[in-house]
N, C-alpha and C. Protein backbone atom coordinates (compact mmCIF):
# COMPACT_ATOMS: atom_id res chain seq x y z
N MET A 1 53.51 45.42 -12.83
CA MET A 1 52.43 45.01 -13.71
C MET A 1 51.96 46.25 -14.46
N ASN A 2 51.95 46.18 -15.79
CA ASN A 2 51.51 47.34 -16.55
C ASN A 2 49.99 47.34 -16.68
N ARG A 3 49.48 48.38 -17.33
CA ARG A 3 48.04 48.58 -17.44
C ARG A 3 47.35 47.44 -18.20
N LYS A 4 47.98 46.94 -19.28
CA LYS A 4 47.40 45.86 -20.06
C LYS A 4 47.29 44.58 -19.22
N ASP A 5 48.34 44.28 -18.45
CA ASP A 5 48.31 43.10 -17.59
C ASP A 5 47.21 43.22 -16.54
N THR A 6 47.04 44.42 -16.01
CA THR A 6 46.00 44.65 -15.02
C THR A 6 44.62 44.41 -15.61
N LYS A 7 44.36 44.94 -16.82
CA LYS A 7 43.08 44.75 -17.49
C LYS A 7 42.84 43.26 -17.78
N ASP A 8 43.89 42.56 -18.24
CA ASP A 8 43.75 41.12 -18.51
C ASP A 8 43.41 40.36 -17.24
N ALA A 9 44.06 40.71 -16.16
CA ALA A 9 43.79 40.05 -14.88
C ALA A 9 42.36 40.33 -14.43
N GLU A 10 41.89 41.57 -14.62
CA GLU A 10 40.52 41.91 -14.26
C GLU A 10 39.52 41.11 -15.09
N LYS A 11 39.76 41.00 -16.41
CA LYS A 11 38.88 40.23 -17.29
C LYS A 11 38.87 38.76 -16.87
N ARG A 12 40.06 38.22 -16.60
CA ARG A 12 40.16 36.83 -16.21
C ARG A 12 39.42 36.60 -14.89
N GLY A 13 39.60 37.53 -13.95
CA GLY A 13 38.90 37.44 -12.68
C GLY A 13 37.39 37.50 -12.87
N GLU A 14 36.94 38.37 -13.75
CA GLU A 14 35.51 38.49 -14.06
C GLU A 14 34.98 37.19 -14.67
N ARG A 15 35.73 36.63 -15.61
CA ARG A 15 35.31 35.38 -16.25
C ARG A 15 35.27 34.24 -15.23
N GLU A 16 36.27 34.19 -14.36
CA GLU A 16 36.29 33.13 -13.36
C GLU A 16 35.12 33.26 -12.40
N LYS A 17 34.80 34.48 -12.01
CA LYS A 17 33.70 34.71 -11.10
C LYS A 17 32.37 34.27 -11.73
N ASN A 18 32.24 34.46 -13.04
CA ASN A 18 31.02 34.09 -13.74
C ASN A 18 31.03 32.64 -14.21
N GLY A 19 32.07 31.91 -13.92
CA GLY A 19 32.12 30.50 -14.27
C GLY A 19 32.69 30.20 -15.64
N TYR A 20 33.28 31.18 -16.32
CA TYR A 20 33.89 30.94 -17.63
C TYR A 20 35.38 30.71 -17.43
N TYR A 21 35.87 29.64 -18.01
CA TYR A 21 37.28 29.32 -17.88
C TYR A 21 37.88 29.08 -19.26
N ASN A 22 39.13 29.35 -19.35
CA ASN A 22 39.88 29.07 -20.57
C ASN A 22 39.95 27.55 -20.74
N LYS A 23 39.69 27.06 -21.94
CA LYS A 23 39.70 25.63 -22.19
C LYS A 23 41.03 25.00 -21.84
N ARG A 24 42.09 25.77 -21.95
CA ARG A 24 43.41 25.24 -21.62
C ARG A 24 43.59 25.04 -20.12
N ASP A 25 42.78 25.68 -19.34
CA ASP A 25 42.94 25.60 -17.88
C ASP A 25 42.06 24.46 -17.36
N HIS A 26 42.37 23.26 -17.75
CA HIS A 26 41.56 22.09 -17.42
C HIS A 26 41.57 21.78 -15.93
N SER A 27 42.70 21.96 -15.26
CA SER A 27 42.79 21.61 -13.84
C SER A 27 41.84 22.47 -13.01
N ARG A 28 41.71 23.75 -13.35
CA ARG A 28 40.80 24.62 -12.62
C ARG A 28 39.36 24.17 -12.85
N PHE A 29 39.04 23.76 -14.08
CA PHE A 29 37.70 23.28 -14.40
C PHE A 29 37.38 22.01 -13.60
N CYS A 30 38.35 21.08 -13.55
CA CYS A 30 38.15 19.84 -12.81
C CYS A 30 37.94 20.12 -11.32
N LEU A 31 38.69 21.05 -10.78
CA LEU A 31 38.53 21.43 -9.40
C LEU A 31 37.13 21.97 -9.15
N LEU A 32 36.65 22.82 -10.04
CA LEU A 32 35.31 23.38 -9.90
C LEU A 32 34.26 22.27 -9.92
N VAL A 33 34.40 21.33 -10.84
CA VAL A 33 33.44 20.23 -10.93
C VAL A 33 33.46 19.40 -9.67
N SER A 34 34.63 19.09 -9.15
CA SER A 34 34.70 18.26 -7.94
C SER A 34 34.15 19.02 -6.74
N ILE A 35 34.38 20.31 -6.65
CA ILE A 35 33.81 21.09 -5.54
C ILE A 35 32.29 21.10 -5.65
N ASN A 36 31.75 21.32 -6.84
CA ASN A 36 30.29 21.30 -7.01
C ASN A 36 29.73 19.93 -6.66
N PHE A 37 30.41 18.87 -7.04
CA PHE A 37 29.96 17.52 -6.75
C PHE A 37 29.95 17.27 -5.25
N MET A 38 31.02 17.70 -4.55
CA MET A 38 31.07 17.52 -3.11
C MET A 38 29.99 18.33 -2.43
N THR A 39 29.76 19.54 -2.88
CA THR A 39 28.72 20.38 -2.30
C THR A 39 27.36 19.74 -2.51
N HIS A 40 27.14 19.18 -3.68
CA HIS A 40 25.86 18.53 -3.97
C HIS A 40 25.65 17.33 -3.06
N GLN A 41 26.71 16.56 -2.78
CA GLN A 41 26.58 15.38 -1.94
C GLN A 41 26.36 15.76 -0.48
N GLU A 42 26.83 16.91 -0.07
CA GLU A 42 26.71 17.30 1.32
C GLU A 42 25.33 17.85 1.66
N LYS A 43 24.49 18.04 0.66
CA LYS A 43 23.14 18.53 0.93
C LYS A 43 22.39 17.50 1.78
N GLU A 44 21.55 17.99 2.65
CA GLU A 44 20.84 17.12 3.56
C GLU A 44 19.76 16.33 2.82
N ARG A 45 19.72 15.04 3.09
CA ARG A 45 18.71 14.18 2.46
C ARG A 45 17.39 14.35 3.20
N PRO A 46 16.27 14.10 2.53
CA PRO A 46 14.98 14.20 3.21
C PRO A 46 14.86 13.14 4.31
N ILE A 47 14.11 13.48 5.34
CA ILE A 47 13.96 12.63 6.52
C ILE A 47 12.64 11.88 6.46
N ALA A 48 12.68 10.59 6.82
CA ALA A 48 11.49 9.76 6.83
C ALA A 48 11.40 8.97 8.13
N VAL A 49 10.18 8.54 8.45
CA VAL A 49 9.91 7.69 9.61
C VAL A 49 9.07 6.52 9.11
N ASP A 50 9.45 5.31 9.53
CA ASP A 50 8.75 4.08 9.13
C ASP A 50 7.96 3.55 10.31
N LEU A 51 6.64 3.45 10.15
CA LEU A 51 5.78 2.85 11.16
C LEU A 51 5.38 1.46 10.67
N PHE A 52 5.29 0.48 11.56
CA PHE A 52 5.05 -0.92 11.19
C PHE A 52 6.20 -1.38 10.29
N ALA A 53 7.41 -1.25 10.78
CA ALA A 53 8.61 -1.39 9.96
C ALA A 53 8.91 -2.81 9.50
N GLY A 54 8.52 -3.81 10.27
CA GLY A 54 8.87 -5.18 9.90
C GLY A 54 10.38 -5.32 9.79
N ALA A 55 10.83 -6.08 8.79
CA ALA A 55 12.26 -6.27 8.58
C ALA A 55 12.87 -5.12 7.79
N GLY A 56 12.05 -4.22 7.25
CA GLY A 56 12.58 -3.02 6.62
C GLY A 56 12.43 -2.93 5.12
N GLY A 57 11.45 -3.59 4.54
CA GLY A 57 11.26 -3.52 3.09
C GLY A 57 10.96 -2.11 2.60
N MET A 58 10.03 -1.43 3.26
CA MET A 58 9.72 -0.06 2.84
C MET A 58 10.85 0.89 3.19
N THR A 59 11.54 0.63 4.30
CA THR A 59 12.70 1.44 4.65
C THR A 59 13.75 1.36 3.56
N LEU A 60 13.99 0.16 3.06
CA LEU A 60 14.96 -0.02 2.00
C LEU A 60 14.56 0.76 0.75
N GLY A 61 13.28 0.68 0.39
CA GLY A 61 12.81 1.42 -0.78
C GLY A 61 12.97 2.92 -0.62
N PHE A 62 12.62 3.45 0.53
CA PHE A 62 12.75 4.89 0.75
C PHE A 62 14.23 5.29 0.83
N GLU A 63 15.05 4.43 1.42
CA GLU A 63 16.48 4.74 1.47
C GLU A 63 17.07 4.77 0.06
N GLN A 64 16.68 3.81 -0.78
CA GLN A 64 17.17 3.79 -2.15
C GLN A 64 16.64 4.97 -2.96
N ALA A 65 15.52 5.52 -2.53
CA ALA A 65 14.96 6.69 -3.20
C ALA A 65 15.60 7.99 -2.72
N GLY A 66 16.54 7.90 -1.76
CA GLY A 66 17.27 9.08 -1.33
C GLY A 66 16.88 9.64 0.02
N PHE A 67 16.09 8.91 0.81
CA PHE A 67 15.67 9.37 2.12
C PHE A 67 16.58 8.81 3.20
N ASP A 68 16.67 9.54 4.31
CA ASP A 68 17.26 9.02 5.53
C ASP A 68 16.10 8.63 6.43
N VAL A 69 15.89 7.34 6.61
CA VAL A 69 14.81 6.85 7.48
C VAL A 69 15.40 6.79 8.88
N LEU A 70 15.27 7.89 9.59
CA LEU A 70 15.97 8.05 10.87
C LEU A 70 15.32 7.30 12.02
N ALA A 71 14.04 6.92 11.88
CA ALA A 71 13.37 6.20 12.95
C ALA A 71 12.39 5.20 12.36
N SER A 72 12.31 4.05 13.02
CA SER A 72 11.36 3.02 12.64
C SER A 72 10.71 2.48 13.90
N VAL A 73 9.44 2.10 13.78
CA VAL A 73 8.71 1.53 14.92
C VAL A 73 8.18 0.16 14.50
N GLU A 74 8.45 -0.84 15.34
CA GLU A 74 8.00 -2.21 15.07
C GLU A 74 7.76 -2.89 16.41
N ILE A 75 6.69 -3.70 16.49
CA ILE A 75 6.34 -4.34 17.76
C ILE A 75 7.07 -5.67 17.97
N ASP A 76 7.37 -6.39 16.91
CA ASP A 76 7.95 -7.72 17.02
C ASP A 76 9.46 -7.66 17.25
N PRO A 77 9.96 -8.25 18.34
CA PRO A 77 11.39 -8.16 18.64
C PRO A 77 12.30 -8.79 17.58
N ILE A 78 11.85 -9.86 16.97
CA ILE A 78 12.67 -10.51 15.93
C ILE A 78 12.79 -9.59 14.73
N HIS A 79 11.68 -8.99 14.31
CA HIS A 79 11.74 -8.05 13.19
C HIS A 79 12.56 -6.81 13.56
N CYS A 80 12.49 -6.38 14.81
CA CYS A 80 13.30 -5.24 15.25
C CYS A 80 14.79 -5.56 15.12
N ALA A 81 15.17 -6.77 15.53
CA ALA A 81 16.59 -7.17 15.45
C ALA A 81 17.04 -7.23 13.99
N ILE A 82 16.19 -7.77 13.12
CA ILE A 82 16.53 -7.83 11.70
C ILE A 82 16.64 -6.43 11.12
N HIS A 83 15.70 -5.56 11.48
CA HIS A 83 15.70 -4.19 10.99
C HIS A 83 16.95 -3.46 11.45
N GLN A 84 17.31 -3.64 12.72
CA GLN A 84 18.51 -2.99 13.25
C GLN A 84 19.77 -3.51 12.55
N PHE A 85 19.78 -4.80 12.23
CA PHE A 85 20.92 -5.38 11.50
C PHE A 85 21.00 -4.81 10.09
N ASN A 86 19.85 -4.70 9.43
CA ASN A 86 19.82 -4.20 8.05
C ASN A 86 20.11 -2.70 7.96
N PHE A 87 19.74 -1.95 8.98
CA PHE A 87 19.89 -0.49 8.96
C PHE A 87 20.54 -0.04 10.28
N PRO A 88 21.82 -0.28 10.44
CA PRO A 88 22.47 -0.02 11.73
C PRO A 88 22.62 1.45 12.10
N PHE A 89 22.44 2.36 11.16
CA PHE A 89 22.63 3.77 11.47
C PHE A 89 21.35 4.47 11.90
N TRP A 90 20.22 3.81 11.81
CA TRP A 90 18.94 4.42 12.16
C TRP A 90 18.43 3.84 13.47
N SER A 91 17.50 4.54 14.09
CA SER A 91 16.93 4.11 15.37
C SER A 91 15.71 3.24 15.13
N VAL A 92 15.61 2.15 15.91
CA VAL A 92 14.44 1.27 15.86
C VAL A 92 13.81 1.26 17.24
N LEU A 93 12.56 1.66 17.31
CA LEU A 93 11.81 1.58 18.55
C LEU A 93 11.04 0.28 18.52
N CYS A 94 11.38 -0.63 19.40
CA CYS A 94 10.75 -1.95 19.43
C CYS A 94 9.62 -1.91 20.45
N LYS A 95 8.48 -1.42 20.00
CA LYS A 95 7.33 -1.30 20.90
C LYS A 95 6.05 -1.16 20.10
N ASN A 96 4.96 -1.28 20.79
CA ASN A 96 3.64 -1.17 20.17
C ASN A 96 3.39 0.26 19.75
N ILE A 97 2.87 0.43 18.57
CA ILE A 97 2.59 1.78 18.06
C ILE A 97 1.52 2.49 18.89
N ILE A 98 0.67 1.70 19.56
CA ILE A 98 -0.38 2.27 20.41
C ILE A 98 0.24 3.07 21.55
N ASP A 99 1.37 2.58 22.07
CA ASP A 99 2.03 3.22 23.21
C ASP A 99 3.12 4.21 22.79
N THR A 100 3.27 4.46 21.51
CA THR A 100 4.33 5.33 21.00
C THR A 100 3.78 6.72 20.71
N THR A 101 4.57 7.74 21.02
CA THR A 101 4.18 9.11 20.72
C THR A 101 5.14 9.72 19.70
N GLY A 102 4.70 10.75 19.05
CA GLY A 102 5.55 11.46 18.11
C GLY A 102 6.77 12.05 18.79
N GLU A 103 6.58 12.56 19.99
CA GLU A 103 7.69 13.13 20.76
C GLU A 103 8.73 12.06 21.08
N GLU A 104 8.27 10.87 21.42
CA GLU A 104 9.19 9.78 21.71
C GLU A 104 10.00 9.38 20.47
N ILE A 105 9.34 9.35 19.32
CA ILE A 105 10.04 9.02 18.07
C ILE A 105 11.13 10.06 17.80
N ARG A 106 10.79 11.33 17.98
CA ARG A 106 11.78 12.39 17.75
C ARG A 106 12.94 12.30 18.74
N ASN A 107 12.64 12.04 20.02
CA ASN A 107 13.68 12.02 21.06
C ASN A 107 14.56 10.78 21.02
N CYS A 108 14.02 9.65 20.59
CA CYS A 108 14.78 8.39 20.56
C CYS A 108 15.55 8.22 19.27
N SER A 109 15.50 9.20 18.41
CA SER A 109 16.24 9.14 17.14
C SER A 109 17.02 10.44 16.97
N SER A 110 17.67 10.57 15.85
CA SER A 110 18.43 11.80 15.60
C SER A 110 17.58 12.87 14.91
N ILE A 111 16.27 12.69 14.90
CA ILE A 111 15.39 13.67 14.24
C ILE A 111 15.33 14.96 15.05
N GLY A 112 15.10 14.82 16.33
CA GLY A 112 14.99 16.00 17.18
C GLY A 112 13.88 16.92 16.71
N SER A 113 14.19 18.20 16.54
CA SER A 113 13.18 19.18 16.14
C SER A 113 13.16 19.42 14.62
N ARG A 114 13.95 18.66 13.88
CA ARG A 114 14.00 18.86 12.42
C ARG A 114 12.66 18.48 11.78
N GLU A 115 12.43 19.08 10.64
CA GLU A 115 11.20 18.80 9.91
C GLU A 115 11.27 17.42 9.26
N ILE A 116 10.19 16.67 9.36
CA ILE A 116 10.12 15.34 8.76
C ILE A 116 9.45 15.48 7.40
N ASP A 117 10.05 14.86 6.39
CA ASP A 117 9.51 14.95 5.04
C ASP A 117 8.39 13.95 4.79
N VAL A 118 8.53 12.73 5.29
CA VAL A 118 7.48 11.74 5.05
C VAL A 118 7.43 10.73 6.19
N VAL A 119 6.21 10.35 6.55
CA VAL A 119 5.96 9.24 7.45
C VAL A 119 5.27 8.18 6.60
N PHE A 120 5.77 6.95 6.67
CA PHE A 120 5.16 5.89 5.87
C PHE A 120 5.00 4.64 6.70
N GLY A 121 4.09 3.79 6.27
CA GLY A 121 3.90 2.52 6.96
C GLY A 121 2.76 1.73 6.37
N GLY A 122 2.75 0.47 6.69
CA GLY A 122 1.69 -0.43 6.23
C GLY A 122 1.18 -1.25 7.40
N PRO A 123 0.11 -0.80 8.03
CA PRO A 123 -0.45 -1.55 9.17
C PRO A 123 -0.92 -2.94 8.74
N PRO A 124 -1.04 -3.85 9.70
CA PRO A 124 -1.52 -5.19 9.37
C PRO A 124 -2.91 -5.14 8.72
N CYS A 125 -3.13 -6.03 7.75
CA CYS A 125 -4.40 -5.98 7.02
C CYS A 125 -5.18 -7.28 7.13
N GLN A 126 -4.78 -8.19 8.03
CA GLN A 126 -5.44 -9.47 8.11
C GLN A 126 -6.94 -9.34 8.39
N GLY A 127 -7.32 -8.41 9.24
CA GLY A 127 -8.73 -8.26 9.60
C GLY A 127 -9.58 -7.66 8.50
N LEU A 128 -8.96 -7.05 7.51
CA LEU A 128 -9.70 -6.43 6.42
C LEU A 128 -9.56 -7.17 5.10
N SER A 129 -8.67 -8.15 5.06
CA SER A 129 -8.38 -8.86 3.82
C SER A 129 -9.57 -9.70 3.37
N LEU A 130 -9.80 -9.74 2.08
CA LEU A 130 -10.87 -10.56 1.53
C LEU A 130 -10.49 -12.03 1.48
N ILE A 131 -9.21 -12.35 1.56
CA ILE A 131 -8.77 -13.75 1.51
C ILE A 131 -8.98 -14.44 2.85
N GLY A 132 -8.66 -13.77 3.93
CA GLY A 132 -8.75 -14.37 5.27
C GLY A 132 -10.19 -14.42 5.76
N LYS A 133 -10.30 -14.47 7.09
CA LYS A 133 -11.63 -14.54 7.71
C LYS A 133 -12.35 -13.19 7.68
N ARG A 134 -11.63 -12.15 7.43
CA ARG A 134 -12.14 -10.78 7.40
C ARG A 134 -12.97 -10.46 8.65
N VAL A 135 -12.29 -10.46 9.76
CA VAL A 135 -12.92 -10.18 11.04
C VAL A 135 -12.89 -8.68 11.24
N LEU A 136 -14.04 -8.04 11.11
CA LEU A 136 -14.08 -6.58 11.16
C LEU A 136 -13.79 -6.02 12.54
N ASP A 137 -13.98 -6.84 13.59
CA ASP A 137 -13.66 -6.34 14.93
C ASP A 137 -12.28 -6.81 15.39
N ASP A 138 -11.43 -7.22 14.47
CA ASP A 138 -10.03 -7.57 14.77
C ASP A 138 -9.36 -6.32 15.35
N PRO A 139 -8.73 -6.43 16.52
CA PRO A 139 -8.13 -5.24 17.15
C PRO A 139 -7.05 -4.59 16.29
N ARG A 140 -6.42 -5.36 15.39
CA ARG A 140 -5.39 -4.79 14.52
C ARG A 140 -5.97 -3.79 13.53
N ASN A 141 -7.27 -3.87 13.27
CA ASN A 141 -7.89 -2.93 12.33
C ASN A 141 -7.83 -1.49 12.85
N SER A 142 -7.79 -1.32 14.17
CA SER A 142 -7.76 0.04 14.75
C SER A 142 -6.38 0.68 14.66
N LEU A 143 -5.37 -0.09 14.26
CA LEU A 143 -4.02 0.47 14.20
C LEU A 143 -3.90 1.60 13.19
N VAL A 144 -4.80 1.63 12.22
CA VAL A 144 -4.79 2.72 11.24
C VAL A 144 -5.01 4.06 11.93
N PHE A 145 -5.81 4.07 12.99
CA PHE A 145 -6.06 5.31 13.71
C PHE A 145 -4.81 5.78 14.46
N HIS A 146 -4.01 4.85 14.92
CA HIS A 146 -2.75 5.22 15.58
C HIS A 146 -1.73 5.70 14.56
N PHE A 147 -1.78 5.15 13.36
CA PHE A 147 -0.94 5.65 12.27
C PHE A 147 -1.29 7.12 12.02
N ILE A 148 -2.59 7.41 11.90
CA ILE A 148 -3.05 8.78 11.66
C ILE A 148 -2.64 9.69 12.82
N ARG A 149 -2.80 9.20 14.05
CA ARG A 149 -2.42 9.99 15.22
C ARG A 149 -0.94 10.38 15.17
N LEU A 150 -0.09 9.42 14.83
CA LEU A 150 1.34 9.72 14.77
C LEU A 150 1.68 10.66 13.62
N VAL A 151 0.97 10.53 12.51
CA VAL A 151 1.18 11.47 11.41
C VAL A 151 0.84 12.88 11.88
N LEU A 152 -0.25 13.02 12.59
CA LEU A 152 -0.64 14.35 13.09
C LEU A 152 0.36 14.88 14.13
N GLU A 153 0.89 14.00 14.98
CA GLU A 153 1.86 14.43 15.98
C GLU A 153 3.21 14.80 15.36
N LEU A 154 3.65 14.02 14.38
CA LEU A 154 4.96 14.26 13.76
C LEU A 154 4.93 15.38 12.73
N GLN A 155 3.78 15.68 12.18
CA GLN A 155 3.57 16.75 11.20
C GLN A 155 4.55 16.70 10.03
N PRO A 156 4.58 15.58 9.30
CA PRO A 156 5.46 15.52 8.13
C PRO A 156 4.87 16.32 6.97
N LYS A 157 5.70 16.57 5.95
CA LYS A 157 5.19 17.23 4.75
C LYS A 157 4.23 16.30 4.01
N PHE A 158 4.55 14.98 4.02
CA PHE A 158 3.74 13.98 3.33
C PHE A 158 3.65 12.73 4.17
N PHE A 159 2.67 11.89 3.86
CA PHE A 159 2.65 10.55 4.45
C PHE A 159 2.26 9.56 3.36
N ARG A 160 2.70 8.33 3.56
CA ARG A 160 2.39 7.25 2.61
C ARG A 160 1.83 6.10 3.43
N TYR A 161 0.55 5.81 3.21
CA TYR A 161 -0.13 4.76 3.93
C TYR A 161 -0.29 3.57 3.01
N GLY A 162 0.31 2.44 3.36
CA GLY A 162 0.23 1.26 2.51
C GLY A 162 -0.69 0.24 3.12
N LYS A 163 -1.88 0.17 2.60
CA LYS A 163 -2.87 -0.76 3.10
C LYS A 163 -3.34 -1.64 1.97
N CYS A 164 -3.35 -2.95 2.20
CA CYS A 164 -3.87 -3.81 1.12
C CYS A 164 -5.40 -3.79 1.23
N CYS A 165 -6.02 -3.23 0.24
CA CYS A 165 -7.48 -3.12 0.25
C CYS A 165 -8.15 -4.39 -0.23
N ARG A 166 -7.47 -5.10 -1.10
CA ARG A 166 -8.07 -6.29 -1.68
C ARG A 166 -6.99 -7.33 -1.92
N ASN A 167 -7.13 -8.44 -1.29
CA ASN A 167 -6.21 -9.56 -1.50
C ASN A 167 -6.98 -10.68 -2.16
N GLY A 168 -6.56 -11.07 -3.34
CA GLY A 168 -7.18 -12.23 -3.97
C GLY A 168 -7.96 -11.93 -5.19
């Protein structure tokens, strides 16, 4: 290899390192694009936890928004079965939120010690609804405090509390 060839190779190497490619070298460009695309897809998605999961409406919304909802908590066994059917890769804790701890949610799912990005949920609102009887001492009204307790235990970056304040 003569001196000119060496300089050309150095320039080409420099251009390749900086991301500049000869337009004629389409295959190398396509390879770079596909590698960048694969790398982008392999990035970890944000982690979410669904409290008062029901059949999974909010889980579906968060999943479509790009979250991995790794754990859900629901008291009703039928809704738990539906949720598990709809989201087979995530963990569903079928138990009362009153008896659930943040540590249990982490241990019973694949979250472990990873940071949680968002905890979301919509506690029952029958006792506070303006349409129903609006029984202020309905025991379900206190579930909001357990939602807050679990948010504090799980320490997510954000939380989303869905409460119907006014029906009708």
